[in-house]
Amino acid sequence: LRLSCAVSGLFRIDNMGWYRQAPGKQRDFVATISREGTTNYADSVK
């Protein structure tokens, strides 16, 4: 699947990222990307 997240308005956006929450569990980090393109991933999705 390809997920998309569109941010409305004319803003300079710094870090962007994805998190996920399974039923009955806390929200967990999945991945982030800086404005310059530096990425980080959770080990479970690398």
PDB file of all heavy atoms in Angstrom:
ATOM      1  N   LEU A   1       0.857  -1.177   0.000  1.00  0.00           N
ATOM      2  CA  LEU A   1       0.000   0.000   0.000  1.00  0.00           C
ATOM      3  C   LEU A   1       0.895   1.229   0.000  1.00  0.00           C
ATOM      4  O   LEU A   1       1.995   1.205   0.562  1.00  0.00           O
ATOM      5  CB  LEU A   1      -0.891   0.037   1.245  1.00  0.00           C
ATOM      6  CG  LEU A   1      -2.044  -0.953   1.336  1.00  0.00           C
ATOM      7  CD1 LEU A   1      -2.673  -0.905   2.730  1.00  0.00           C
ATOM      8  CD2 LEU A   1      -3.098  -0.674   0.279  1.00  0.00           C
ATOM      9  N   ARG A   2       0.416   2.305  -0.575  1.00  0.00           N
ATOM     10  CA  ARG A   2       1.115   3.588  -0.494  1.00  0.00           C
ATOM     11  C   ARG A   2       0.217   4.569   0.244  1.00  0.00           C
ATOM     12  O   ARG A   2      -0.868   4.904  -0.236  1.00  0.00           O
ATOM     13  CB  ARG A   2       1.475   4.131  -1.867  1.00  0.00           C
ATOM     14  CG  ARG A   2       2.172   5.504  -1.776  1.00  0.00           C
ATOM     15  CD  ARG A   2       2.704   5.970  -3.118  1.00  0.00           C
ATOM     16  NE  ARG A   2       3.828   5.149  -3.563  1.00  0.00           N
ATOM     17  CZ  ARG A   2       4.554   5.444  -4.635  1.00  0.00           C
ATOM     18  NH1 ARG A   2       4.283   6.513  -5.356  1.00  0.00           N
ATOM     19  NH2 ARG A   2       5.554   4.657  -4.977  1.00  0.00           N
ATOM     20  N   LEU A   3       0.675   5.007   1.378  1.00  0.00           N
ATOM     21  CA  LEU A   3      -0.044   5.987   2.159  1.00  0.00           C
ATOM     22  C   LEU A   3       0.431   7.386   1.794  1.00  0.00           C
ATOM     23  O   LEU A   3       1.611   7.594   1.495  1.00  0.00           O
ATOM     24  CB  LEU A   3       0.174   5.745   3.649  1.00  0.00           C
ATOM     25  CG  LEU A   3      -0.052   4.311   4.159  1.00  0.00           C
ATOM     26  CD1 LEU A   3       0.130   4.270   5.671  1.00  0.00           C
ATOM     27  CD2 LEU A   3      -1.399   3.782   3.749  1.00  0.00           C
ATOM     28  N   SER A   4      -0.491   8.326   1.832  1.00  0.00           N
ATOM     29  CA  SER A   4      -0.173   9.725   1.552  1.00  0.00           C
ATOM     30  C   SER A   4      -0.708  10.605   2.666  1.00  0.00           C
ATOM     31  O   SER A   4      -1.729  10.292   3.266  1.00  0.00           O
ATOM     32  CB  SER A   4      -0.810  10.170   0.231  1.00  0.00           C
ATOM     33  OG  SER A   4      -0.352   9.409  -0.849  1.00  0.00           O
ATOM     34  N   CYS A   5      -0.011  11.694   2.899  1.00  0.00           N
ATOM     35  CA  CYS A   5      -0.457  12.678   3.875  1.00  0.00           C
ATOM     36  C   CYS A   5      -0.212  14.051   3.278  1.00  0.00           C
ATOM     37  O   CYS A   5       0.936  14.457   3.101  1.00  0.00           O
ATOM     38  CB  CYS A   5       0.285  12.519   5.187  1.00  0.00           C
ATOM     39  SG  CYS A   5      -0.046  13.821   6.395  1.00  0.00           S
ATOM     40  N   ALA A   6      -1.296  14.737   2.961  1.00  0.00           N
ATOM     41  CA  ALA A   6      -1.209  16.063   2.373  1.00  0.00           C
ATOM     42  C   ALA A   6      -1.492  17.114   3.428  1.00  0.00           C
ATOM     43  O   ALA A   6      -2.475  17.021   4.172  1.00  0.00           O
ATOM     44  CB  ALA A   6      -2.209  16.181   1.232  1.00  0.00           C
ATOM     45  N   VAL A   7      -0.616  18.116   3.487  1.00  0.00           N
ATOM     46  CA  VAL A   7      -0.750  19.197   4.465  1.00  0.00           C
ATOM     47  C   VAL A   7      -1.259  20.433   3.753  1.00  0.00           C
ATOM     48  O   VAL A   7      -0.646  20.893   2.787  1.00  0.00           O
ATOM     49  CB  VAL A   7       0.591  19.493   5.148  1.00  0.00           C
ATOM     50  CG1 VAL A   7       0.422  20.565   6.222  1.00  0.00           C
ATOM     51  CG2 VAL A   7       1.178  18.228   5.734  1.00  0.00           C
ATOM     52  N   SER A   8      -2.374  20.947   4.222  1.00  0.00           N
ATOM     53  CA  SER A   8      -2.970  22.117   3.579  1.00  0.00           C
ATOM     54  C   SER A   8      -2.236  23.388   3.974  1.00  0.00           C
ATOM     55  O   SER A   8      -1.637  23.465   5.049  1.00  0.00           O
ATOM     56  CB  SER A   8      -4.441  22.241   3.973  1.00  0.00           C
ATOM     57  OG  SER A   8      -4.539  22.490   5.363  1.00  0.00           O
ATOM     58  N   GLY A   9      -2.297  24.387   3.106  1.00  0.00           N
ATOM     59  CA  GLY A   9      -1.721  25.680   3.422  1.00  0.00           C
ATOM     60  C   GLY A   9      -0.307  25.837   2.913  1.00  0.00           C
ATOM     61  O   GLY A   9       0.349  24.873   2.524  1.00  0.00           O
ATOM     62  N   LEU A  10       0.149  27.089   2.914  1.00  0.00           N
ATOM     63  CA  LEU A  10       1.488  27.412   2.427  1.00  0.00           C
ATOM     64  C   LEU A  10       2.419  27.518   3.614  1.00  0.00           C
ATOM     65  O   LEU A  10       2.628  28.597   4.167  1.00  0.00           O
ATOM     66  CB  LEU A  10       1.453  28.716   1.626  1.00  0.00           C
ATOM     67  CG  LEU A  10       0.597  28.680   0.373  1.00  0.00           C
ATOM     68  CD1 LEU A  10       0.564  30.064  -0.278  1.00  0.00           C
ATOM     69  CD2 LEU A  10       1.120  27.646  -0.610  1.00  0.00           C
ATOM     70  N   PHE A  11       2.942  26.366   4.031  1.00  0.00           N
ATOM     71  CA  PHE A  11       3.829  26.328   5.180  1.00  0.00           C
ATOM     72  C   PHE A  11       5.147  25.678   4.806  1.00  0.00           C
ATOM     73  O   PHE A  11       5.199  24.831   3.928  1.00  0.00           O
ATOM     74  CB  PHE A  11       3.195  25.504   6.314  1.00  0.00           C
ATOM     75  CG  PHE A  11       1.860  26.019   6.774  1.00  0.00           C
ATOM     76  CD1 PHE A  11       0.694  25.397   6.360  1.00  0.00           C
ATOM     77  CD2 PHE A  11       1.771  27.104   7.611  1.00  0.00           C
ATOM     78  CE1 PHE A  11      -0.543  25.848   6.781  1.00  0.00           C
ATOM     79  CE2 PHE A  11       0.543  27.581   8.028  1.00  0.00           C
ATOM     80  CZ  PHE A  11      -0.618  26.945   7.612  1.00  0.00           C
ATOM     81  N   ARG A  12       6.175  26.079   5.493  1.00  0.00           N
ATOM     82  CA  ARG A  12       7.447  25.400   5.369  1.00  0.00           C
ATOM     83  C   ARG A  12       7.453  24.296   6.423  1.00  0.00           C
ATOM     84  O   ARG A  12       7.492  24.573   7.613  1.00  0.00           O
ATOM     85  CB  ARG A  12       8.611  26.356   5.585  1.00  0.00           C
ATOM     86  CG  ARG A  12       9.973  25.696   5.360  1.00  0.00           C
ATOM     87  CD  ARG A  12      11.120  26.640   5.702  1.00  0.00           C
ATOM     88  NE  ARG A  12      12.422  26.115   5.382  1.00  0.00           N
ATOM     89  CZ  ARG A  12      13.091  25.246   6.108  1.00  0.00           C
ATOM     90  NH1 ARG A  12      12.577  24.807   7.237  1.00  0.00           N
ATOM     91  NH2 ARG A  12      14.288  24.805   5.736  1.00  0.00           N
ATOM     92  N   ILE A  13       7.431  23.081   5.948  1.00  0.00           N
ATOM     93  CA  ILE A  13       7.311  21.955   6.850  1.00  0.00           C
ATOM     94  C   ILE A  13       8.677  21.378   7.144  1.00  0.00           C
ATOM     95  O   ILE A  13       9.459  21.131   6.227  1.00  0.00           O
ATOM     96  CB  ILE A  13       6.396  20.871   6.248  1.00  0.00           C
ATOM     97  CG1 ILE A  13       5.027  21.470   5.915  1.00  0.00           C
ATOM     98  CG2 ILE A  13       6.245  19.703   7.217  1.00  0.00           C
ATOM     99  CD1 ILE A  13       4.128  20.535   5.147  1.00  0.00           C
ATOM    100  N   ASP A  14       8.954  21.165   8.395  1.00  0.00           N
ATOM    101  CA  ASP A  14      10.235  20.590   8.785  1.00  0.00           C
ATOM    102  C   ASP A  14      10.121  19.063   8.769  1.00  0.00           C
ATOM    103  O   ASP A  14       9.860  18.493   7.730  1.00  0.00           O
ATOM    104  CB  ASP A  14      10.657  21.166  10.136  1.00  0.00           C
ATOM    105  CG  ASP A  14      10.828  22.672  10.067  1.00  0.00           C
ATOM    106  OD1 ASP A  14      11.471  23.132   9.106  1.00  0.00           O
ATOM    107  OD2 ASP A  14      10.310  23.395  10.945  1.00  0.00           O
ATOM    108  N   ASN A  15      10.265  18.428   9.900  1.00  0.00           N
ATOM    109  CA  ASN A  15      10.179  16.969   9.916  1.00  0.00           C
ATOM    110  C   ASN A  15       8.771  16.462   9.616  1.00  0.00           C
ATOM    111  O   ASN A  15       7.787  17.070  10.031  1.00  0.00           O
ATOM    112  CB  ASN A  15      10.593  16.454  11.298  1.00  0.00           C
ATOM    113  CG  ASN A  15      11.869  15.637  11.227  1.00  0.00           C
ATOM    114  OD1 ASN A  15      12.751  15.925  10.434  1.00  0.00           O
ATOM    115  ND2 ASN A  15      11.968  14.619  12.055  1.00  0.00           N
ATOM    116  N   MET A  16       8.709  15.372   8.885  1.00  0.00           N
ATOM    117  CA  MET A  16       7.451  14.694   8.603  1.00  0.00           C
ATOM    118  C   MET A  16       7.630  13.221   8.970  1.00  0.00           C
ATOM    119  O   MET A  16       8.738  12.682   8.830  1.00  0.00           O
ATOM    120  CB  MET A  16       7.059  14.817   7.134  1.00  0.00           C
ATOM    121  CG  MET A  16       7.062  16.243   6.607  1.00  0.00           C
ATOM    122  SD  MET A  16       6.590  16.365   4.871  1.00  0.00           S
ATOM    123  CE  MET A  16       4.787  16.415   5.018  1.00  0.00           C
ATOM    124  N   GLY A  17       6.559  12.604   9.412  1.00  0.00           N
ATOM    125  CA  GLY A  17       6.716  11.214   9.823  1.00  0.00           C
ATOM    126  C   GLY A  17       5.411  10.447   9.875  1.00  0.00           C
ATOM    127  O   GLY A  17       4.320  11.020   9.744  1.00  0.00           O
ATOM    128  N   TRP A  18       5.573   9.156  10.053  1.00  0.00           N
ATOM    129  CA  TRP A  18       4.435   8.248  10.178  1.00  0.00           C
ATOM    130  C   TRP A  18       4.552   7.466  11.490  1.00  0.00           C
ATOM    131  O   TRP A  18       5.645   7.024  11.867  1.00  0.00           O
ATOM    132  CB  TRP A  18       4.391   7.264   9.006  1.00  0.00           C
ATOM    133  CG  TRP A  18       4.004   7.899   7.711  1.00  0.00           C
ATOM    134  CD1 TRP A  18       4.847   8.394   6.765  1.00  0.00           C
ATOM    135  CD2 TRP A  18       2.679   8.112   7.229  1.00  0.00           C
ATOM    136  NE1 TRP A  18       4.124   8.905   5.712  1.00  0.00           N
ATOM    137  CE2 TRP A  18       2.790   8.738   5.971  1.00  0.00           C
ATOM    138  CE3 TRP A  18       1.411   7.832   7.722  1.00  0.00           C
ATOM    139  CZ2 TRP A  18       1.671   9.087   5.203  1.00  0.00           C
ATOM    140  CZ3 TRP A  18       0.297   8.176   6.973  1.00  0.00           C
ATOM    141  CH2 TRP A  18       0.435   8.801   5.725  1.00  0.00           C
ATOM    142  N   TYR A  19       3.421   7.278  12.134  1.00  0.00           N
ATOM    143  CA  TYR A  19       3.316   6.505  13.358  1.00  0.00           C
ATOM    144  C   TYR A  19       2.125   5.568  13.195  1.00  0.00           C
ATOM    145  O   TYR A  19       1.292   5.785  12.303  1.00  0.00           O
ATOM    146  CB  TYR A  19       3.115   7.433  14.568  1.00  0.00           C
ATOM    147  CG  TYR A  19       4.333   8.285  14.845  1.00  0.00           C
ATOM    148  CD1 TYR A  19       4.659   9.349  14.017  1.00  0.00           C
ATOM    149  CD2 TYR A  19       5.167   8.009  15.920  1.00  0.00           C
ATOM    150  CE1 TYR A  19       5.796  10.110  14.238  1.00  0.00           C
ATOM    151  CE2 TYR A  19       6.299   8.775  16.163  1.00  0.00           C
ATOM    152  CZ  TYR A  19       6.601   9.811  15.313  1.00  0.00           C
ATOM    153  OH  TYR A  19       7.733  10.568  15.538  1.00  0.00           O
ATOM    154  N   ARG A  20       2.057   4.565  14.028  1.00  0.00           N
ATOM    155  CA  ARG A  20       0.928   3.654  13.924  1.00  0.00           C
ATOM    156  C   ARG A  20       0.490   3.176  15.297  1.00  0.00           C
ATOM    157  O   ARG A  20       1.290   3.118  16.224  1.00  0.00           O
ATOM    158  CB  ARG A  20       1.257   2.454  13.034  1.00  0.00           C
ATOM    159  CG  ARG A  20       2.340   1.524  13.579  1.00  0.00           C
ATOM    160  CD  ARG A  20       2.698   0.474  12.526  1.00  0.00           C
ATOM    161  NE  ARG A  20       3.709  -0.456  13.021  1.00  0.00           N
ATOM    162  CZ  ARG A  20       4.258  -1.407  12.258  1.00  0.00           C
ATOM    163  NH1 ARG A  20       3.899  -1.540  10.988  1.00  0.00           N
ATOM    164  NH2 ARG A  20       5.164  -2.227  12.785  1.00  0.00           N
ATOM    165  N   GLN A  21      -0.794   2.835  15.365  1.00  0.00           N
ATOM    166  CA  GLN A  21      -1.360   2.374  16.619  1.00  0.00           C
ATOM    167  C   GLN A  21      -2.267   1.184  16.356  1.00  0.00           C
ATOM    168  O   GLN A  21      -3.286   1.312  15.662  1.00  0.00           O
ATOM    169  CB  GLN A  21      -2.137   3.495  17.302  1.00  0.00           C
ATOM    170  CG  GLN A  21      -2.616   3.150  18.693  1.00  0.00           C
ATOM    171  CD  GLN A  21      -3.081   4.375  19.460  1.00  0.00           C
ATOM    172  OE1 GLN A  21      -3.356   5.432  18.877  1.00  0.00           O
ATOM    173  NE2 GLN A  21      -3.157   4.275  20.769  1.00  0.00           N
ATOM    174  N   ALA A  22      -1.868   0.054  16.913  1.00  0.00           N
ATOM    175  CA  ALA A  22      -2.685  -1.151  16.811  1.00  0.00           C
ATOM    176  C   ALA A  22      -3.700  -1.156  17.953  1.00  0.00           C
ATOM    177  O   ALA A  22      -3.492  -0.499  18.972  1.00  0.00           O
ATOM    178  CB  ALA A  22      -1.798  -2.387  16.874  1.00  0.00           C
ATOM    179  N   PRO A  23      -4.790  -1.905  17.810  1.00  0.00           N
ATOM    180  CA  PRO A  23      -5.815  -1.941  18.863  1.00  0.00           C
ATOM    181  C   PRO A  23      -5.221  -2.352  20.206  1.00  0.00           C
ATOM    182  O   PRO A  23      -4.503  -3.353  20.299  1.00  0.00           O
ATOM    183  CB  PRO A  23      -6.805  -2.978  18.351  1.00  0.00           C
ATOM    184  CG  PRO A  23      -6.635  -2.955  16.874  1.00  0.00           C
ATOM    185  CD  PRO A  23      -5.176  -2.691  16.635  1.00  0.00           C
ATOM    186  N   GLY A  24      -5.504  -1.563  21.230  1.00  0.00           N
ATOM    187  CA  GLY A  24      -5.044  -1.878  22.573  1.00  0.00           C
ATOM    188  C   GLY A  24      -3.584  -1.606  22.833  1.00  0.00           C
ATOM    189  O   GLY A  24      -3.068  -1.947  23.901  1.00  0.00           O
ATOM    190  N   LYS A  25      -2.905  -0.967  21.875  1.00  0.00           N
ATOM    191  CA  LYS A  25      -1.475  -0.707  22.040  1.00  0.00           C
ATOM    192  C   LYS A  25      -1.203   0.780  21.924  1.00  0.00           C
ATOM    193  O   LYS A  25      -2.031   1.559  21.476  1.00  0.00           O
ATOM    194  CB  LYS A  25      -0.676  -1.487  20.991  1.00  0.00           C
ATOM    195  CG  LYS A  25      -0.773  -2.990  21.143  1.00  0.00           C
ATOM    196  CD  LYS A  25       0.190  -3.700  20.230  1.00  0.00           C
ATOM    197  CE  LYS A  25       0.139  -5.202  20.437  1.00  0.00           C
ATOM    198  NZ  LYS A  25       1.110  -5.922  19.555  1.00  0.00           N
ATOM    199  N   GLN A  26       0.007   1.174  22.330  1.00  0.00           N
ATOM    200  CA  GLN A  26       0.383   2.574  22.239  1.00  0.00           C
ATOM    201  C   GLN A  26       0.745   2.923  20.802  1.00  0.00           C
ATOM    202  O   GLN A  26       0.965   2.053  19.965  1.00  0.00           O
ATOM    203  CB  GLN A  26       1.578   2.856  23.154  1.00  0.00           C
ATOM    204  CG  GLN A  26       2.855   2.148  22.739  1.00  0.00           C
ATOM    205  CD  GLN A  26       4.020   2.424  23.672  1.00  0.00           C
ATOM    206  OE1 GLN A  26       3.831   2.855  24.807  1.00  0.00           O
ATOM    207  NE2 GLN A  26       5.228   2.188  23.216  1.00  0.00           N
ATOM    208  N   ARG A  27       0.772   4.218  20.541  1.00  0.00           N
ATOM    209  CA  ARG A  27       1.167   4.683  19.218  1.00  0.00           C
ATOM    210  C   ARG A  27       2.692   4.571  19.093  1.00  0.00           C
ATOM    211  O   ARG A  27       3.438   5.060  19.936  1.00  0.00           O
ATOM    212  CB  ARG A  27       0.708   6.123  19.017  1.00  0.00           C
ATOM    213  CG  ARG A  27       0.839   6.628  17.606  1.00  0.00           C
ATOM    214  CD  ARG A  27       0.188   7.984  17.436  1.00  0.00           C
ATOM    215  NE  ARG A  27      -1.247   7.926  17.701  1.00  0.00           N
ATOM    216  CZ  ARG A  27      -2.074   8.970  17.499  1.00  0.00           C
ATOM    217  NH1 ARG A  27      -1.605  10.112  17.027  1.00  0.00           N
ATOM    218  NH2 ARG A  27      -3.355   8.854  17.769  1.00  0.00           N
ATOM    219  N   ASP A  28       3.151   3.956  18.007  1.00  0.00           N
ATOM    220  CA  ASP A  28       4.567   3.695  17.807  1.00  0.00           C
ATOM    221  C   ASP A  28       5.123   4.428  16.598  1.00  0.00           C
ATOM    222  O   ASP A  28       4.424   4.628  15.598  1.00  0.00           O
ATOM    223  CB  ASP A  28       4.817   2.196  17.612  1.00  0.00           C
ATOM    224  CG  ASP A  28       4.588   1.385  18.882  1.00  0.00           C
ATOM    225  OD1 ASP A  28       4.817   1.926  19.987  1.00  0.00           O
ATOM    226  OD2 ASP A  28       4.183   0.217  18.755  1.00  0.00           O
ATOM    227  N   PHE A  29       6.379   4.749  16.682  1.00  0.00           N
ATOM    228  CA  PHE A  29       7.119   5.362  15.580  1.00  0.00           C
ATOM    229  C   PHE A  29       7.280   4.370  14.436  1.00  0.00           C
ATOM    230  O   PHE A  29       7.546   3.187  14.653  1.00  0.00           O
ATOM    231  CB  PHE A  29       8.479   5.807  16.107  1.00  0.00           C
ATOM    232  CG  PHE A  29       9.536   6.001  15.072  1.00  0.00           C
ATOM    233  CD1 PHE A  29       9.504   7.121  14.247  1.00  0.00           C
ATOM    234  CD2 PHE A  29      10.557   5.085  14.920  1.00  0.00           C
ATOM    235  CE1 PHE A  29      10.483   7.311  13.294  1.00  0.00           C
ATOM    236  CE2 PHE A  29      11.532   5.275  13.969  1.00  0.00           C
ATOM    237  CZ  PHE A  29      11.499   6.386  13.153  1.00  0.00           C
ATOM    238  N   VAL A  30       7.117   4.843  13.215  1.00  0.00           N
ATOM    239  CA  VAL A  30       7.344   4.014  12.029  1.00  0.00           C
ATOM    240  C   VAL A  30       8.517   4.573  11.224  1.00  0.00           C
ATOM    241  O   VAL A  30       9.478   3.860  10.955  1.00  0.00           O
ATOM    242  CB  VAL A  30       6.084   3.937  11.147  1.00  0.00           C
ATOM    243  CG1 VAL A  30       6.382   3.162   9.861  1.00  0.00           C
ATOM    244  CG2 VAL A  30       4.924   3.310  11.901  1.00  0.00           C
ATOM    245  N   ALA A  31       8.417   5.838  10.824  1.00  0.00           N
ATOM    246  CA  ALA A  31       9.468   6.431   9.996  1.00  0.00           C
ATOM    247  C   ALA A  31       9.348   7.951  10.022  1.00  0.00           C
ATOM    248  O   ALA A  31       8.243   8.485  10.189  1.00  0.00           O
ATOM    249  CB  ALA A  31       9.354   5.931   8.563  1.00  0.00           C
ATOM    250  N   THR A  32      10.480   8.612   9.857  1.00  0.00           N
ATOM    251  CA  THR A  32      10.489  10.058   9.724  1.00  0.00           C
ATOM    252  C   THR A  32      11.421  10.465   8.595  1.00  0.00           C
ATOM    253  O   THR A  32      12.311   9.694   8.195  1.00  0.00           O
ATOM    254  CB  THR A  32      10.958  10.764  11.011  1.00  0.00           C
ATOM    255  OG1 THR A  32      12.263  10.287  11.355  1.00  0.00           O
ATOM    256  CG2 THR A  32      10.001  10.536  12.161  1.00  0.00           C
ATOM    257  N   ILE A  33      11.198  11.675   8.102  1.00  0.00           N
ATOM    258  CA  ILE A  33      12.050  12.224   7.052  1.00  0.00           C
ATOM    259  C   ILE A  33      12.205  13.718   7.302  1.00  0.00           C
ATOM    260  O   ILE A  33      11.217  14.418   7.548  1.00  0.00           O
ATOM    261  CB  ILE A  33      11.473  11.917   5.652  1.00  0.00           C
ATOM    262  CG1 ILE A  33      12.420  12.421   4.569  1.00  0.00           C
ATOM    263  CG2 ILE A  33      10.064  12.484   5.480  1.00  0.00           C
ATOM    264  CD1 ILE A  33      12.067  11.913   3.168  1.00  0.00           C
ATOM    265  N   SER A  34      13.444  14.190   7.246  1.00  0.00           N
ATOM    266  CA  SER A  34      13.698  15.614   7.414  1.00  0.00           C
ATOM    267  C   SER A  34      13.401  16.345   6.113  1.00  0.00           C
ATOM    268  O   SER A  34      13.188  15.720   5.057  1.00  0.00           O
ATOM    269  CB  SER A  34      15.154  15.844   7.810  1.00  0.00           C
ATOM    270  OG  SER A  34      16.004  15.567   6.713  1.00  0.00           O
ATOM    271  N   ARG A  35      13.424  17.655   6.189  1.00  0.00           N
ATOM    272  CA  ARG A  35      13.168  18.436   4.984  1.00  0.00           C
ATOM    273  C   ARG A  35      14.238  18.162   3.919  1.00  0.00           C
ATOM    274  O   ARG A  35      13.961  18.194   2.719  1.00  0.00           O
ATOM    275  CB  ARG A  35      13.127  19.926   5.318  1.00  0.00           C
ATOM    276  CG  ARG A  35      12.770  20.783   4.124  1.00  0.00           C
ATOM    277  CD  ARG A  35      12.493  22.226   4.504  1.00  0.00           C
ATOM    278  NE  ARG A  35      12.147  22.999   3.329  1.00  0.00           N
ATOM    279  CZ  ARG A  35      10.921  23.013   2.796  1.00  0.00           C
ATOM    280  NH1 ARG A  35       9.947  22.323   3.352  1.00  0.00           N
ATOM    281  NH2 ARG A  35      10.686  23.735   1.717  1.00  0.00           N
ATOM    282  N   GLU A  36      15.442  17.854   4.375  1.00  0.00           N
ATOM    283  CA  GLU A  36      16.556  17.601   3.454  1.00  0.00           C
ATOM    284  C   GLU A  36      16.566  16.165   2.953  1.00  0.00           C
ATOM    285  O   GLU A  36      17.366  15.825   2.078  1.00  0.00           O
ATOM    286  CB  GLU A  36      17.887  17.906   4.144  1.00  0.00           C
ATOM    287  CG  GLU A  36      18.087  19.373   4.514  1.00  0.00           C
ATOM    288  CD  GLU A  36      17.252  19.802   5.699  1.00  0.00           C
ATOM    289  OE1 GLU A  36      16.880  18.923   6.526  1.00  0.00           O
ATOM    290  OE2 GLU A  36      16.959  21.022   5.812  1.00  0.00           O
ATOM    291  N   GLY A  37      15.676  15.314   3.521  1.00  0.00           N
ATOM    292  CA  GLY A  37      15.566  13.947   3.013  1.00  0.00           C
ATOM    293  C   GLY A  37      16.219  12.884   3.865  1.00  0.00           C
ATOM    294  O   GLY A  37      16.244  11.706   3.467  1.00  0.00           O
ATOM    295  N   THR A  38      16.715  13.243   5.040  1.00  0.00           N
ATOM    296  CA  THR A  38      17.285  12.236   5.928  1.00  0.00           C
ATOM    297  C   THR A  38      16.161  11.402   6.540  1.00  0.00           C
ATOM    298  O   THR A  38      15.195  11.956   7.066  1.00  0.00           O
ATOM    299  CB  THR A  38      18.094  12.898   7.048  1.00  0.00           C
ATOM    300  OG1 THR A  38      19.156  13.667   6.467  1.00  0.00           O
ATOM    301  CG2 THR A  38      18.690  11.844   7.973  1.00  0.00           C
ATOM    302  N   THR A  39      16.302  10.096   6.466  1.00  0.00           N
ATOM    303  CA  THR A  39      15.236   9.209   6.915  1.00  0.00           C
ATOM    304  C   THR A  39      15.652   8.373   8.116  1.00  0.00           C
ATOM    305  O   THR A  39      16.833   8.084   8.315  1.00  0.00           O
ATOM    306  CB  THR A  39      14.797   8.259   5.795  1.00  0.00           C
ATOM    307  OG1 THR A  39      15.941   7.498   5.364  1.00  0.00           O
ATOM    308  CG2 THR A  39      14.234   9.037   4.605  1.00  0.00           C
ATOM    309  N   ASN A  40      14.651   7.977   8.888  1.00  0.00           N
ATOM    310  CA  ASN A  40      14.833   7.041   9.992  1.00  0.00           C
ATOM    311  C   ASN A  40      13.660   6.081   9.994  1.00  0.00           C
ATOM    312  O   ASN A  40      12.528   6.482   9.701  1.00  0.00           O
ATOM    313  CB  ASN A  40      14.885   7.775  11.332  1.00  0.00           C
ATOM    314  CG  ASN A  40      16.228   8.427  11.577  1.00  0.00           C
ATOM    315  OD1 ASN A  40      17.235   7.757  11.731  1.00  0.00           O
ATOM    316  ND2 ASN A  40      16.248   9.741  11.592  1.00  0.00           N
ATOM    317  N   TYR A  41      13.940   4.820  10.343  1.00  0.00           N
ATOM    318  CA  TYR A  41      12.903   3.793  10.332  1.00  0.00           C
ATOM    319  C   TYR A  41      12.930   2.979  11.623  1.00  0.00           C
ATOM    320  O   TYR A  41      13.995   2.736  12.186  1.00  0.00           O
ATOM    321  CB  TYR A  41      13.098   2.831   9.162  1.00  0.00           C
ATOM    322  CG  TYR A  41      12.948   3.453   7.807  1.00  0.00           C
ATOM    323  CD1 TYR A  41      14.052   3.943   7.121  1.00  0.00           C
ATOM    324  CD2 TYR A  41      11.699   3.546   7.205  1.00  0.00           C
ATOM    325  CE1 TYR A  41      13.922   4.522   5.867  1.00  0.00           C
ATOM    326  CE2 TYR A  41      11.547   4.115   5.952  1.00  0.00           C
ATOM    327  CZ  TYR A  41      12.671   4.606   5.289  1.00  0.00           C
ATOM    328  OH  TYR A  41      12.518   5.179   4.056  1.00  0.00           O
ATOM    329  N   ALA A  42      11.771   2.517  12.019  1.00  0.00           N
ATOM    330  CA  ALA A  42      11.711   1.540  13.087  1.00  0.00           C
ATOM    331  C   ALA A  42      12.314   0.234  12.583  1.00  0.00           C
ATOM    332  O   ALA A  42      12.182  -0.096  11.391  1.00  0.00           O
ATOM    333  CB  ALA A  42      10.261   1.316  13.516  1.00  0.00           C
ATOM    334  N   ASP A  43      12.960  -0.501  13.469  1.00  0.00           N
ATOM    335  CA  ASP A  43      13.593  -1.756  13.048  1.00  0.00           C
ATOM    336  C   ASP A  43      12.586  -2.715  12.421  1.00  0.00           C
ATOM    337  O   ASP A  43      12.915  -3.457  11.497  1.00  0.00           O
ATOM    338  CB  ASP A  43      14.252  -2.432  14.260  1.00  0.00           C
ATOM    339  CG  ASP A  43      15.501  -1.701  14.706  1.00  0.00           C
ATOM    340  OD1 ASP A  43      16.039  -0.889  13.923  1.00  0.00           O
ATOM    341  OD2 ASP A  43      15.941  -1.928  15.852  1.00  0.00           O
ATOM    342  N   SER A  44      11.362  -2.677  12.904  1.00  0.00           N
ATOM    343  CA  SER A  44      10.347  -3.628  12.430  1.00  0.00           C
ATOM    344  C   SER A  44       9.935  -3.405  10.981  1.00  0.00           C
ATOM    345  O   SER A  44       9.330  -4.297  10.368  1.00  0.00           O
ATOM    346  CB  SER A  44       9.107  -3.552  13.330  1.00  0.00           C
ATOM    347  OG  SER A  44       8.564  -2.242  13.307  1.00  0.00           O
ATOM    348  N   VAL A  45      10.249  -2.235  10.428  1.00  0.00           N
ATOM    349  CA  VAL A  45       9.824  -1.946   9.053  1.00  0.00           C
ATOM    350  C   VAL A  45      10.995  -1.715   8.095  1.00  0.00           C
ATOM    351  O   VAL A  45      10.785  -1.556   6.884  1.00  0.00           O
ATOM    352  CB  VAL A  45       8.875  -0.728   8.998  1.00  0.00           C
ATOM    353  CG1 VAL A  45       7.703  -0.927   9.944  1.00  0.00           C
ATOM    354  CG2 VAL A  45       9.599   0.577   9.284  1.00  0.00           C
ATOM    355  N   LYS A  46      12.208  -1.721   8.610  1.00  0.00           N
ATOM    356  CA  LYS A  46      13.372  -1.493   7.746  1.00  0.00           C
ATOM    357  C   LYS A  46      13.423  -2.523   6.631  1.00  0.00           C
ATOM    358  O   LYS A  46      13.237  -3.721   6.852  1.00  0.00           O
ATOM    359  CB  LYS A  46      14.662  -1.553   8.570  1.00  0.00           C
ATOM    360  CG  LYS A  46      14.948  -0.294   9.348  1.00  0.00           C
ATOM    361  CD  LYS A  46      16.251  -0.427  10.124  1.00  0.00           C
ATOM    362  CE  LYS A  46      16.537   0.828  10.930  1.00  0.00           C
ATOM    363  NZ  LYS A  46      17.758   0.691  11.757  1.00  0.00           N
TER     364      LYS A  46
END
